[in-house]
Amino acid sequence: MASRSARQTQLDLHVRELWQCRRCPRMIPPPVSGGPILSKVILVGQAPGVKEPVLARPFAWTAGKTLFGWFKQFCGMTEAEVRARIYFAAVCRCFPGKTSAGGDRVPAPDEIRNCSSWMDAEFDLLRPQLVIAVGKLAISQFIEIGKLDAVIGRTFPMRRQRRTFDLIPLPHPSGASPWHRIPPGKALLGDAMRLIA
């Protein structure tokens, strides 16, 4: 296993290369990264929203305020502490654009495949012990998901690239979905966040 400083150097290079990615013609660059945080915890989101590329960090707007509010309420961690201790990844790293209805477009299967090598490399470099998957698309990269009620509030032992880790799914903190604000979602969210704490 590489030393901590060697892994940090590799991660720095990985993030610099990620910022240059232009694999997906329908995606709107630049890719968004939380930076080269050497951590045993990875948080995986769906894809950046319209504000994240401008602000150059994931979960930088409304959904982020909600997500970091959960960490403050249940784990006692500020946004700065979360960003300093957790590596932020996503199923896709560029903004997918808007749908004709005005919502954020869900990444297409080919875009998910194009972007998967970034997460594969991150798993190889970081060797996480805990993965926090935020939202159905992120959760579905690890486990089959029907209803959120069946997976939120639970820990799933996982194996990827011959390494084991725990997966804790979270609902998406979007204002468009009331799931995390009403029963049973509200209680299950609390259960999930207490597992992280």
N, C-alpha and C. Protein backbone atom coordinates (compact mmCIF):
# COMPACT_ATOMS: atom_id res chain seq x y z
N MET A 1 0.85 -1.18 0.00
CA MET A 1 0.00 0.00 0.00
C MET A 1 0.89 1.24 0.00
N ALA A 2 0.51 2.23 -0.80
CA ALA A 2 1.27 3.47 -0.91
C ALA A 2 1.18 4.26 0.39
N SER A 3 2.21 5.05 0.67
CA SER A 3 2.20 5.89 1.87
C SER A 3 1.11 6.95 1.73
N ARG A 4 0.77 7.56 2.87
CA ARG A 4 -0.26 8.60 2.86
C ARG A 4 0.12 9.74 1.92
N SER A 5 1.38 10.17 1.95
CA SER A 5 1.80 11.28 1.09
C SER A 5 1.75 10.88 -0.39
N ALA A 6 2.10 9.63 -0.69
CA ALA A 6 2.03 9.16 -2.08
C ALA A 6 0.58 9.10 -2.55
N ARG A 7 -0.32 8.63 -1.69
CA ARG A 7 -1.75 8.59 -2.05
C ARG A 7 -2.30 10.00 -2.21
N GLN A 8 -1.86 10.93 -1.38
CA GLN A 8 -2.31 12.32 -1.51
C GLN A 8 -1.86 12.89 -2.86
N THR A 9 -0.62 12.61 -3.24
CA THR A 9 -0.12 13.07 -4.53
C THR A 9 -0.93 12.47 -5.67
N GLN A 10 -1.24 11.17 -5.58
CA GLN A 10 -2.05 10.51 -6.60
C GLN A 10 -3.45 11.12 -6.66
N LEU A 11 -4.03 11.41 -5.50
CA LEU A 11 -5.37 11.99 -5.46
C LEU A 11 -5.36 13.41 -6.01
N ASP A 12 -4.34 14.19 -5.70
CA ASP A 12 -4.21 15.54 -6.27
C ASP A 12 -4.21 15.47 -7.81
N LEU A 13 -3.43 14.54 -8.35
CA LEU A 13 -3.35 14.37 -9.81
C LEU A 13 -4.70 13.92 -10.36
N HIS A 14 -5.35 12.99 -9.68
CA HIS A 14 -6.66 12.50 -10.10
C HIS A 14 -7.66 13.65 -10.21
N VAL A 15 -7.72 14.50 -9.21
CA VAL A 15 -8.67 15.61 -9.21
C VAL A 15 -8.33 16.61 -10.32
N ARG A 16 -7.05 16.87 -10.54
CA ARG A 16 -6.65 17.78 -11.63
C ARG A 16 -7.09 17.22 -12.99
N GLU A 17 -6.92 15.91 -13.17
CA GLU A 17 -7.35 15.27 -14.42
C GLU A 17 -8.87 15.30 -14.55
N LEU A 18 -9.57 15.06 -13.46
CA LEU A 18 -11.04 15.11 -13.45
C LEU A 18 -11.53 16.48 -13.93
N TRP A 19 -10.94 17.54 -13.44
CA TRP A 19 -11.36 18.90 -13.82
C TRP A 19 -11.23 19.14 -15.33
N GLN A 20 -10.36 18.38 -16.00
CA GLN A 20 -10.16 18.54 -17.45
C GLN A 20 -11.08 17.67 -18.29
N CYS A 21 -11.85 16.79 -17.67
CA CYS A 21 -12.66 15.82 -18.41
C CYS A 21 -13.72 16.51 -19.27
N ARG A 22 -13.87 16.02 -20.51
CA ARG A 22 -14.90 16.51 -21.44
C ARG A 22 -15.45 15.32 -22.24
N ARG A 23 -15.64 14.17 -21.58
CA ARG A 23 -16.06 12.95 -22.26
C ARG A 23 -17.48 12.99 -22.79
N CYS A 24 -18.36 13.73 -22.16
CA CYS A 24 -19.79 13.66 -22.46
C CYS A 24 -20.27 14.92 -23.17
N PRO A 25 -20.60 14.83 -24.46
CA PRO A 25 -20.98 16.03 -25.22
C PRO A 25 -22.27 16.70 -24.75
N ARG A 26 -23.18 15.95 -24.12
CA ARG A 26 -24.44 16.55 -23.65
C ARG A 26 -24.31 17.18 -22.26
N MET A 27 -23.24 16.87 -21.55
CA MET A 27 -23.02 17.45 -20.23
C MET A 27 -22.43 18.86 -20.37
N ILE A 28 -22.65 19.66 -19.34
CA ILE A 28 -22.14 21.03 -19.35
C ILE A 28 -20.96 21.12 -18.38
N PRO A 29 -19.72 21.23 -18.93
CA PRO A 29 -18.56 21.33 -18.05
C PRO A 29 -18.51 22.69 -17.37
N PRO A 30 -17.64 22.86 -16.39
CA PRO A 30 -16.59 21.95 -15.96
C PRO A 30 -17.10 20.92 -14.97
N PRO A 31 -16.35 19.82 -14.83
CA PRO A 31 -16.66 18.87 -13.76
C PRO A 31 -16.52 19.55 -12.40
N VAL A 32 -17.29 19.04 -11.44
CA VAL A 32 -17.27 19.59 -10.08
C VAL A 32 -16.64 18.56 -9.15
N SER A 33 -15.77 19.02 -8.28
CA SER A 33 -15.11 18.16 -7.30
C SER A 33 -15.05 18.86 -5.96
N GLY A 34 -15.12 18.07 -4.91
CA GLY A 34 -14.95 18.61 -3.57
C GLY A 34 -13.49 18.78 -3.20
N GLY A 35 -12.59 18.46 -4.14
CA GLY A 35 -11.16 18.59 -3.88
C GLY A 35 -10.54 17.29 -3.42
N PRO A 36 -9.22 17.25 -3.34
CA PRO A 36 -8.48 16.03 -3.03
C PRO A 36 -8.42 15.74 -1.52
N ILE A 37 -9.56 15.40 -0.94
CA ILE A 37 -9.64 15.11 0.50
C ILE A 37 -9.34 13.63 0.72
N LEU A 38 -8.23 13.33 1.33
CA LEU A 38 -7.85 11.95 1.62
C LEU A 38 -8.69 11.48 2.80
N SER A 39 -9.67 10.62 2.52
CA SER A 39 -10.63 10.22 3.55
C SER A 39 -11.04 8.77 3.36
N LYS A 40 -11.48 8.15 4.43
CA LYS A 40 -12.03 6.79 4.38
C LYS A 40 -13.55 6.82 4.23
N VAL A 41 -14.09 8.03 4.04
CA VAL A 41 -15.53 8.21 3.83
C VAL A 41 -15.74 8.93 2.50
N ILE A 42 -16.57 8.34 1.64
CA ILE A 42 -16.92 8.95 0.37
C ILE A 42 -18.42 9.22 0.37
N LEU A 43 -18.81 10.43 0.01
CA LEU A 43 -20.21 10.77 -0.20
C LEU A 43 -20.43 10.85 -1.70
N VAL A 44 -21.41 10.08 -2.19
CA VAL A 44 -21.69 10.02 -3.63
C VAL A 44 -23.06 10.65 -3.90
N GLY A 45 -23.07 11.71 -4.70
CA GLY A 45 -24.31 12.33 -5.12
C GLY A 45 -24.67 11.91 -6.54
N GLN A 46 -25.70 12.56 -7.10
CA GLN A 46 -26.14 12.24 -8.47
C GLN A 46 -25.27 12.97 -9.49
N ALA A 47 -25.36 14.27 -9.51
CA ALA A 47 -24.61 15.13 -10.43
C ALA A 47 -24.76 16.56 -9.93
N PRO A 48 -23.86 17.44 -10.30
CA PRO A 48 -23.99 18.83 -9.86
C PRO A 48 -25.24 19.49 -10.44
N GLY A 49 -25.74 20.48 -9.72
CA GLY A 49 -26.81 21.32 -10.24
C GLY A 49 -26.21 22.50 -10.99
N VAL A 50 -27.05 23.42 -11.38
CA VAL A 50 -26.61 24.55 -12.20
C VAL A 50 -25.66 25.49 -11.44
N LYS A 51 -25.79 25.58 -10.13
CA LYS A 51 -24.96 26.51 -9.34
C LYS A 51 -23.59 25.95 -8.98
N GLU A 52 -23.49 24.63 -8.89
CA GLU A 52 -22.24 24.01 -8.41
C GLU A 52 -21.02 24.31 -9.28
N PRO A 53 -21.12 24.25 -10.62
CA PRO A 53 -19.94 24.59 -11.43
C PRO A 53 -19.48 26.03 -11.23
N VAL A 54 -20.42 26.93 -11.03
CA VAL A 54 -20.08 28.34 -10.83
C VAL A 54 -19.38 28.53 -9.48
N LEU A 55 -19.88 27.83 -8.46
CA LEU A 55 -19.33 27.95 -7.11
C LEU A 55 -18.17 26.98 -6.86
N ALA A 56 -17.94 26.07 -7.82
CA ALA A 56 -16.80 25.14 -7.82
C ALA A 56 -16.76 24.21 -6.62
N ARG A 57 -17.94 23.73 -6.20
CA ARG A 57 -17.97 22.71 -5.15
C ARG A 57 -19.32 22.00 -5.19
N PRO A 58 -19.35 20.71 -4.82
CA PRO A 58 -20.61 19.97 -4.81
C PRO A 58 -21.52 20.41 -3.67
N PHE A 59 -22.80 20.20 -3.86
CA PHE A 59 -23.81 20.55 -2.85
C PHE A 59 -23.61 21.98 -2.35
N ALA A 60 -23.51 22.90 -3.28
CA ALA A 60 -23.19 24.29 -2.94
C ALA A 60 -24.42 25.18 -2.82
N TRP A 61 -25.60 24.64 -3.12
CA TRP A 61 -26.78 25.51 -3.13
C TRP A 61 -27.85 24.95 -2.22
N THR A 62 -29.10 24.99 -2.61
CA THR A 62 -30.23 24.65 -1.73
C THR A 62 -30.14 23.24 -1.17
N ALA A 63 -29.92 22.25 -2.04
CA ALA A 63 -29.82 20.86 -1.56
C ALA A 63 -28.66 20.72 -0.58
N GLY A 64 -27.58 21.44 -0.83
CA GLY A 64 -26.43 21.41 0.07
C GLY A 64 -26.76 21.97 1.44
N LYS A 65 -27.52 23.05 1.46
CA LYS A 65 -27.91 23.62 2.76
C LYS A 65 -28.69 22.60 3.57
N THR A 66 -29.57 21.87 2.89
CA THR A 66 -30.34 20.82 3.58
C THR A 66 -29.41 19.70 4.05
N LEU A 67 -28.55 19.21 3.15
CA LEU A 67 -27.63 18.12 3.49
C LEU A 67 -26.74 18.49 4.67
N PHE A 68 -26.14 19.67 4.63
CA PHE A 68 -25.25 20.06 5.72
C PHE A 68 -26.03 20.35 6.99
N GLY A 69 -27.29 20.72 6.86
CA GLY A 69 -28.17 20.85 8.03
C GLY A 69 -28.37 19.52 8.72
N TRP A 70 -28.50 18.45 7.93
CA TRP A 70 -28.62 17.10 8.52
C TRP A 70 -27.35 16.75 9.29
N PHE A 71 -26.19 17.01 8.69
CA PHE A 71 -24.92 16.71 9.38
C PHE A 71 -24.80 17.51 10.67
N LYS A 72 -25.23 18.75 10.66
CA LYS A 72 -25.16 19.58 11.87
C LYS A 72 -26.11 19.04 12.93
N GLN A 73 -27.34 18.74 12.54
CA GLN A 73 -28.35 18.28 13.49
C GLN A 73 -28.01 16.93 14.10
N PHE A 74 -27.60 15.98 13.28
CA PHE A 74 -27.43 14.61 13.77
C PHE A 74 -25.99 14.24 14.12
N CYS A 75 -25.01 14.91 13.52
CA CYS A 75 -23.61 14.54 13.73
C CYS A 75 -22.81 15.65 14.41
N GLY A 76 -23.41 16.83 14.57
CA GLY A 76 -22.71 17.95 15.20
C GLY A 76 -21.58 18.51 14.37
N MET A 77 -21.62 18.31 13.04
CA MET A 77 -20.55 18.76 12.15
C MET A 77 -21.01 19.94 11.31
N THR A 78 -20.18 20.96 11.22
CA THR A 78 -20.47 22.10 10.35
C THR A 78 -20.19 21.71 8.90
N GLU A 79 -20.64 22.54 7.98
CA GLU A 79 -20.36 22.30 6.56
C GLU A 79 -18.85 22.23 6.32
N ALA A 80 -18.10 23.14 6.91
CA ALA A 80 -16.64 23.15 6.72
C ALA A 80 -16.01 21.85 7.23
N GLU A 81 -16.49 21.36 8.37
CA GLU A 81 -15.96 20.10 8.91
C GLU A 81 -16.30 18.93 8.01
N VAL A 82 -17.52 18.89 7.49
CA VAL A 82 -17.91 17.80 6.59
C VAL A 82 -17.04 17.84 5.34
N ARG A 83 -16.90 19.00 4.74
CA ARG A 83 -16.10 19.12 3.51
C ARG A 83 -14.63 18.79 3.74
N ALA A 84 -14.12 19.02 4.95
CA ALA A 84 -12.71 18.73 5.26
C ALA A 84 -12.47 17.26 5.58
N ARG A 85 -13.53 16.53 5.93
CA ARG A 85 -13.36 15.14 6.40
C ARG A 85 -13.91 14.08 5.45
N ILE A 86 -14.73 14.48 4.49
CA ILE A 86 -15.40 13.52 3.60
C ILE A 86 -15.03 13.84 2.16
N TYR A 87 -14.72 12.80 1.38
CA TYR A 87 -14.46 12.98 -0.04
C TYR A 87 -15.80 13.01 -0.77
N PHE A 88 -16.02 14.04 -1.57
CA PHE A 88 -17.27 14.18 -2.33
C PHE A 88 -17.08 13.68 -3.75
N ALA A 89 -17.90 12.72 -4.13
CA ALA A 89 -17.92 12.17 -5.48
C ALA A 89 -19.34 12.29 -6.02
N ALA A 90 -19.55 11.84 -7.24
CA ALA A 90 -20.89 11.84 -7.82
C ALA A 90 -20.94 10.81 -8.93
N VAL A 91 -22.14 10.36 -9.23
CA VAL A 91 -22.33 9.43 -10.34
C VAL A 91 -21.83 10.09 -11.62
N CYS A 92 -22.19 11.34 -11.83
CA CYS A 92 -21.67 12.15 -12.94
C CYS A 92 -21.15 13.46 -12.38
N ARG A 93 -20.07 13.97 -12.96
CA ARG A 93 -19.37 15.11 -12.36
C ARG A 93 -19.69 16.45 -13.01
N CYS A 94 -20.37 16.43 -14.16
CA CYS A 94 -20.75 17.68 -14.83
C CYS A 94 -22.25 17.90 -14.72
N PHE A 95 -22.68 19.14 -14.88
CA PHE A 95 -24.10 19.48 -14.86
C PHE A 95 -24.77 18.92 -16.11
N PRO A 96 -25.83 18.09 -15.92
CA PRO A 96 -26.49 17.47 -17.07
C PRO A 96 -27.35 18.43 -17.90
N GLY A 97 -27.67 19.60 -17.36
CA GLY A 97 -28.58 20.51 -18.04
C GLY A 97 -29.99 20.36 -17.49
N LYS A 98 -30.89 21.11 -18.07
CA LYS A 98 -32.28 21.12 -17.61
C LYS A 98 -33.16 20.31 -18.56
N THR A 99 -34.28 19.81 -18.02
CA THR A 99 -35.30 19.17 -18.84
C THR A 99 -36.20 20.25 -19.42
N SER A 100 -37.07 19.88 -20.33
CA SER A 100 -38.02 20.85 -20.89
C SER A 100 -38.98 21.36 -19.83
N ALA A 101 -39.17 20.58 -18.76
CA ALA A 101 -40.04 21.01 -17.66
C ALA A 101 -39.31 21.93 -16.67
N GLY A 102 -38.00 22.07 -16.83
CA GLY A 102 -37.25 22.99 -15.98
C GLY A 102 -36.45 22.36 -14.86
N GLY A 103 -36.63 21.06 -14.61
CA GLY A 103 -35.84 20.39 -13.58
C GLY A 103 -34.49 19.97 -14.12
N ASP A 104 -33.60 19.52 -13.24
CA ASP A 104 -32.30 19.02 -13.68
C ASP A 104 -32.48 17.68 -14.40
N ARG A 105 -31.83 17.52 -15.53
CA ARG A 105 -31.89 16.28 -16.29
C ARG A 105 -31.14 15.18 -15.55
N VAL A 106 -31.73 13.99 -15.52
CA VAL A 106 -31.05 12.83 -14.93
C VAL A 106 -30.00 12.35 -15.93
N PRO A 107 -28.78 12.08 -15.49
CA PRO A 107 -27.76 11.59 -16.43
C PRO A 107 -28.21 10.33 -17.15
N ALA A 108 -27.85 10.23 -18.42
CA ALA A 108 -28.18 9.07 -19.25
C ALA A 108 -27.21 7.92 -18.94
N PRO A 109 -27.62 6.68 -19.27
CA PRO A 109 -26.74 5.52 -19.00
C PRO A 109 -25.34 5.66 -19.60
N ASP A 110 -25.23 6.20 -20.83
CA ASP A 110 -23.89 6.33 -21.42
C ASP A 110 -23.04 7.35 -20.66
N GLU A 111 -23.67 8.39 -20.13
CA GLU A 111 -22.94 9.38 -19.33
C GLU A 111 -22.48 8.78 -18.01
N ILE A 112 -23.34 7.96 -17.42
CA ILE A 112 -22.97 7.27 -16.17
C ILE A 112 -21.78 6.35 -16.42
N ARG A 113 -21.81 5.60 -17.52
CA ARG A 113 -20.68 4.72 -17.87
C ARG A 113 -19.42 5.54 -18.11
N ASN A 114 -19.53 6.64 -18.86
CA ASN A 114 -18.36 7.48 -19.14
C ASN A 114 -17.70 7.98 -17.87
N CYS A 115 -18.50 8.27 -16.87
CA CYS A 115 -17.99 8.88 -15.64
C CYS A 115 -17.56 7.84 -14.59
N SER A 116 -17.93 6.58 -14.81
CA SER A 116 -17.70 5.56 -13.77
C SER A 116 -16.22 5.34 -13.46
N SER A 117 -15.35 5.57 -14.43
CA SER A 117 -13.92 5.33 -14.18
C SER A 117 -13.37 6.28 -13.12
N TRP A 118 -13.96 7.48 -13.00
CA TRP A 118 -13.50 8.42 -11.97
C TRP A 118 -13.76 7.84 -10.58
N MET A 119 -14.97 7.30 -10.38
CA MET A 119 -15.27 6.73 -9.07
C MET A 119 -14.47 5.45 -8.83
N ASP A 120 -14.27 4.65 -9.88
CA ASP A 120 -13.44 3.45 -9.73
C ASP A 120 -12.04 3.83 -9.22
N ALA A 121 -11.46 4.85 -9.80
CA ALA A 121 -10.13 5.31 -9.38
C ALA A 121 -10.15 5.82 -7.94
N GLU A 122 -11.23 6.51 -7.57
CA GLU A 122 -11.34 7.04 -6.20
C GLU A 122 -11.45 5.91 -5.19
N PHE A 123 -12.19 4.87 -5.52
CA PHE A 123 -12.27 3.72 -4.62
C PHE A 123 -10.91 3.06 -4.48
N ASP A 124 -10.17 2.98 -5.58
CA ASP A 124 -8.85 2.37 -5.54
C ASP A 124 -7.87 3.20 -4.70
N LEU A 125 -7.91 4.51 -4.85
CA LEU A 125 -7.01 5.40 -4.11
C LEU A 125 -7.39 5.53 -2.63
N LEU A 126 -8.67 5.71 -2.36
CA LEU A 126 -9.11 6.03 -1.00
C LEU A 126 -9.41 4.80 -0.15
N ARG A 127 -9.80 3.70 -0.78
CA ARG A 127 -10.16 2.47 -0.04
C ARG A 127 -11.14 2.80 1.09
N PRO A 128 -12.32 3.33 0.75
CA PRO A 128 -13.25 3.80 1.78
C PRO A 128 -13.75 2.69 2.69
N GLN A 129 -14.03 3.06 3.91
CA GLN A 129 -14.68 2.16 4.86
C GLN A 129 -16.18 2.43 4.91
N LEU A 130 -16.57 3.66 4.53
CA LEU A 130 -17.97 4.06 4.52
C LEU A 130 -18.26 4.85 3.26
N VAL A 131 -19.37 4.49 2.60
CA VAL A 131 -19.87 5.24 1.45
C VAL A 131 -21.27 5.70 1.79
N ILE A 132 -21.50 6.99 1.65
CA ILE A 132 -22.81 7.60 1.87
C ILE A 132 -23.36 7.93 0.48
N ALA A 133 -24.40 7.20 0.06
CA ALA A 133 -25.00 7.42 -1.26
C ALA A 133 -26.24 8.29 -1.09
N VAL A 134 -26.27 9.42 -1.78
CA VAL A 134 -27.32 10.42 -1.61
C VAL A 134 -28.24 10.43 -2.83
N GLY A 135 -29.47 9.98 -2.65
CA GLY A 135 -30.46 9.97 -3.72
C GLY A 135 -30.50 8.64 -4.46
N LYS A 136 -31.63 8.41 -5.13
CA LYS A 136 -31.87 7.12 -5.77
C LYS A 136 -30.83 6.75 -6.82
N LEU A 137 -30.41 7.70 -7.65
CA LEU A 137 -29.44 7.36 -8.68
C LEU A 137 -28.12 6.91 -8.06
N ALA A 138 -27.65 7.62 -7.06
CA ALA A 138 -26.40 7.23 -6.39
C ALA A 138 -26.56 5.89 -5.67
N ILE A 139 -27.67 5.72 -4.97
CA ILE A 139 -27.91 4.45 -4.26
C ILE A 139 -27.91 3.29 -5.24
N SER A 140 -28.56 3.49 -6.40
CA SER A 140 -28.70 2.41 -7.39
C SER A 140 -27.37 1.98 -8.01
N GLN A 141 -26.32 2.74 -7.82
CA GLN A 141 -25.00 2.32 -8.30
C GLN A 141 -24.41 1.22 -7.42
N PHE A 142 -25.01 1.01 -6.25
CA PHE A 142 -24.49 0.03 -5.29
C PHE A 142 -25.47 -1.10 -4.98
N ILE A 143 -26.75 -0.77 -4.87
CA ILE A 143 -27.77 -1.77 -4.54
C ILE A 143 -29.02 -1.51 -5.37
N GLU A 144 -29.82 -2.56 -5.54
CA GLU A 144 -31.12 -2.37 -6.19
C GLU A 144 -32.02 -1.61 -5.24
N ILE A 145 -32.78 -0.69 -5.80
CA ILE A 145 -33.64 0.13 -4.96
C ILE A 145 -35.02 0.22 -5.59
N GLY A 146 -36.01 -0.08 -4.77
CA GLY A 146 -37.39 0.12 -5.18
C GLY A 146 -37.87 1.38 -4.50
N LYS A 147 -38.29 1.22 -3.26
CA LYS A 147 -38.75 2.37 -2.47
C LYS A 147 -37.65 2.79 -1.50
N LEU A 148 -37.56 4.07 -1.28
CA LEU A 148 -36.58 4.58 -0.32
C LEU A 148 -36.82 4.01 1.07
N ASP A 149 -38.09 3.78 1.42
CA ASP A 149 -38.42 3.25 2.75
C ASP A 149 -37.68 1.94 3.06
N ALA A 150 -37.35 1.18 2.01
CA ALA A 150 -36.71 -0.12 2.20
C ALA A 150 -35.21 -0.02 2.45
N VAL A 151 -34.59 1.13 2.14
CA VAL A 151 -33.13 1.21 2.25
C VAL A 151 -32.62 2.32 3.17
N ILE A 152 -33.38 3.39 3.35
CA ILE A 152 -32.92 4.49 4.20
C ILE A 152 -33.02 4.06 5.66
N GLY A 153 -31.99 4.36 6.44
CA GLY A 153 -31.97 3.98 7.85
C GLY A 153 -31.29 2.65 8.10
N ARG A 154 -30.67 2.10 7.06
CA ARG A 154 -29.98 0.80 7.16
C ARG A 154 -28.54 0.93 6.69
N THR A 155 -27.72 0.00 7.16
CA THR A 155 -26.34 -0.13 6.69
C THR A 155 -26.25 -1.39 5.85
N PHE A 156 -25.58 -1.30 4.71
CA PHE A 156 -25.42 -2.43 3.81
C PHE A 156 -23.93 -2.76 3.68
N PRO A 157 -23.52 -3.96 4.12
CA PRO A 157 -22.13 -4.37 3.88
C PRO A 157 -21.93 -4.59 2.38
N MET A 158 -20.89 -4.01 1.82
CA MET A 158 -20.66 -4.04 0.38
C MET A 158 -19.26 -4.53 0.06
N ARG A 159 -19.09 -4.90 -1.22
CA ARG A 159 -17.78 -5.29 -1.73
C ARG A 159 -17.63 -4.66 -3.12
N ARG A 160 -16.51 -3.99 -3.35
CA ARG A 160 -16.21 -3.38 -4.65
C ARG A 160 -14.70 -3.40 -4.82
N GLN A 161 -14.26 -3.81 -5.99
CA GLN A 161 -12.83 -3.91 -6.27
C GLN A 161 -12.10 -4.68 -5.16
N ARG A 162 -12.68 -5.80 -4.78
CA ARG A 162 -12.10 -6.72 -3.78
C ARG A 162 -11.96 -6.09 -2.40
N ARG A 163 -12.64 -4.97 -2.16
CA ARG A 163 -12.57 -4.32 -0.85
C ARG A 163 -13.97 -4.23 -0.27
N THR A 164 -14.04 -4.31 1.05
CA THR A 164 -15.34 -4.21 1.72
C THR A 164 -15.51 -2.82 2.33
N PHE A 165 -16.76 -2.39 2.40
CA PHE A 165 -17.10 -1.12 3.02
C PHE A 165 -18.57 -1.17 3.40
N ASP A 166 -18.99 -0.23 4.22
CA ASP A 166 -20.40 -0.09 4.57
C ASP A 166 -21.02 0.99 3.71
N LEU A 167 -22.25 0.73 3.26
CA LEU A 167 -23.02 1.70 2.49
C LEU A 167 -24.18 2.19 3.35
N ILE A 168 -24.31 3.50 3.48
CA ILE A 168 -25.47 4.09 4.15
C ILE A 168 -26.17 5.01 3.15
N PRO A 169 -27.35 4.61 2.68
CA PRO A 169 -28.10 5.45 1.75
C PRO A 169 -28.81 6.59 2.46
N LEU A 170 -28.87 7.73 1.79
CA LEU A 170 -29.63 8.89 2.25
C LEU A 170 -30.58 9.32 1.13
N PRO A 171 -31.71 9.93 1.49
CA PRO A 171 -32.56 10.49 0.44
C PRO A 171 -31.89 11.72 -0.15
N HIS A 172 -32.33 12.11 -1.34
CA HIS A 172 -31.79 13.34 -1.90
C HIS A 172 -32.36 14.53 -1.13
N PRO A 173 -31.53 15.50 -0.78
CA PRO A 173 -32.00 16.64 0.01
C PRO A 173 -32.69 17.73 -0.82
N SER A 174 -33.13 17.38 -1.99
CA SER A 174 -33.77 18.35 -2.89
C SER A 174 -35.06 18.91 -2.29
N GLY A 175 -35.29 20.16 -2.56
CA GLY A 175 -36.55 20.77 -2.15
C GLY A 175 -37.73 20.26 -2.96
N ALA A 176 -37.44 19.62 -4.11
CA ALA A 176 -38.51 19.10 -4.97
C ALA A 176 -39.16 17.86 -4.38
N SER A 177 -38.47 17.17 -3.51
CA SER A 177 -39.02 15.95 -2.91
C SER A 177 -39.34 16.18 -1.43
N PRO A 178 -40.59 15.88 -1.04
CA PRO A 178 -40.96 16.04 0.38
C PRO A 178 -40.62 14.80 1.21
N TRP A 179 -40.06 13.75 0.60
CA TRP A 179 -39.90 12.46 1.26
C TRP A 179 -39.22 12.59 2.62
N HIS A 180 -38.15 13.35 2.70
CA HIS A 180 -37.37 13.45 3.95
C HIS A 180 -38.02 14.37 4.98
N ARG A 181 -39.14 14.99 4.62
CA ARG A 181 -39.81 15.91 5.55
C ARG A 181 -41.10 15.36 6.14
N ILE A 182 -41.55 14.20 5.63
CA ILE A 182 -42.82 13.63 6.10
C ILE A 182 -42.61 12.17 6.49
N PRO A 183 -43.52 11.61 7.35
CA PRO A 183 -43.41 10.20 7.72
C PRO A 183 -43.60 9.30 6.49
N PRO A 184 -42.91 8.16 6.45
CA PRO A 184 -41.91 7.68 7.39
C PRO A 184 -40.51 8.21 7.10
N GLY A 185 -40.37 8.98 6.01
CA GLY A 185 -39.05 9.44 5.59
C GLY A 185 -38.30 10.24 6.62
N LYS A 186 -39.01 11.09 7.35
CA LYS A 186 -38.35 11.94 8.34
C LYS A 186 -37.67 11.10 9.42
N ALA A 187 -38.37 10.08 9.92
CA ALA A 187 -37.79 9.21 10.95
C ALA A 187 -36.66 8.36 10.39
N LEU A 188 -36.83 7.85 9.16
CA LEU A 188 -35.80 7.01 8.55
C LEU A 188 -34.54 7.83 8.25
N LEU A 189 -34.70 9.08 7.86
CA LEU A 189 -33.55 9.96 7.68
C LEU A 189 -32.77 10.09 8.98
N GLY A 190 -33.48 10.31 10.09
CA GLY A 190 -32.82 10.41 11.39
C GLY A 190 -32.06 9.14 11.72
N ASP A 191 -32.68 7.98 11.43
CA ASP A 191 -32.01 6.69 11.66
C ASP A 191 -30.72 6.60 10.85
N ALA A 192 -30.79 7.00 9.58
CA ALA A 192 -29.61 6.93 8.71
C ALA A 192 -28.50 7.85 9.18
N MET A 193 -28.86 9.07 9.55
CA MET A 193 -27.85 10.03 9.99
C MET A 193 -27.21 9.59 11.31
N ARG A 194 -27.98 8.95 12.17
CA ARG A 194 -27.40 8.45 13.43
C ARG A 194 -26.42 7.31 13.15
N LEU A 195 -26.64 6.54 12.08
CA LEU A 195 -25.68 5.50 11.71
C LEU A 195 -24.35 6.13 11.27
N ILE A 196 -24.43 7.26 10.61
CA ILE A 196 -23.22 7.97 10.17
C ILE A 196 -22.48 8.57 11.36
N ALA A 197 -23.26 9.13 12.29
CA ALA A 197 -22.66 9.79 13.45
C ALA A 197 -21.85 8.81 14.26
